[in-house]
Structure formats: C-alpha cells, structure tokens
C-alpha cells in the first residue's frame, strides 16, 4: 500500500497496512446494514482485552467461521458447531466470546423483530445521525460516554453479552455513530461533510 502524505489519526499512522486501510475506508463511516452491524458487534466483543490490530488480522477468519456474520445462521449454531470453533486457530478461541456471539445473534434477531431492523434500534441512541466530535488528539477521546452507557445497559437488558460501555463506545466509533477522527485528520472533515 502506498503511503499517503495526508494527516491521519495517531493510532493509524504506523506501518500496519490493515490498520491504515481500516482507518481510511471504514472507521467512522456510518453503517446502516444489519449484517455489518452484527459483524462489528461481534468483532468489538472479540477484541475485549486484545488489540484491534489482532482482530483485524483475524477478520476474514471470523467471516468464514461465523457464516459471513449472518445472524440468522449464527443463531442456529449448535453445541457441536460452537465446540468446533474452539479448535479454530484463526479466531480468538475464548469459549465465553464464542458462546456470546451465538447468544448475541439470537438477541439481535429479537431486536430486529421488535424494531424492524437492528439499524433502527441502534441509531435511535444518536437520534439517527452521527455525533460530530472535535478531538485534537487520542488523549481527548473518552473510553465511554453517557450514550454508550445507555446503549450498553439496554443491550444487556435484552440479553446481549460483551457489550460493556467501553466496548459499545468502540462499536459506535467503528460504525460511524460518532466521528472521533482527530480534527487534524483528513477523514474527520470528509465524514463531517456527510451528515
């Protein structure tokens, strides 16, 4: 990948091409597709206690292991399928995270039945439009907010797991519910104009 001379967020300025591509193409871009929302919900939960670069490196393996993040198919994973995932070196082999992905798929479908789409449910927490922050550096980015607290509490009541407030704030950043690109980053202004 050719290095760009454009200013980017400090966390993406290193030599990891996966991180840079993720920063440039995905992070903070509003996602309104239920399958992609389920993908990010799963990946953010899997990341708990690990680095995001580790999860990005395993992302294609996750797509294969979890049926392309189709929540209908994942919700039907039986104990045998879940046990086989524990032997898959391409994903994080943590029993609780694997089990939660399956139970989260079931809860995801319940939310979709109630709201029509998971998208309609989750985006209501930001009144349907991305929150535009003006962070000068990574140090100014909070680990959680009142909105991520509310989302976490509601998801937990609905039976979701690995949805603590910090994980939910990372999810909100990933799916563009908040624009936390540093103001010196070229992506901040590109995304701010999309409102």
Foldseek 3Di string as FASTA:
>chain_A
DDDDPFDFAPVLPDDDPLSVCLRVPFFQAADQDQLVLLLLLLLLLQCVVHDSSLSSQLSVVCCVLQVNSPLVVLLPQDPVSLVVVLVDPSGPNDSVSSVLSNQLSVLLVVVCVVQVHVSRVLLVLLPNAAAQDAAQHPVPDDLADPSLCVVLVVSVVSPHPSSHRSSSVSSCRRNNSYPPIHPSGPVSVVSVVVD
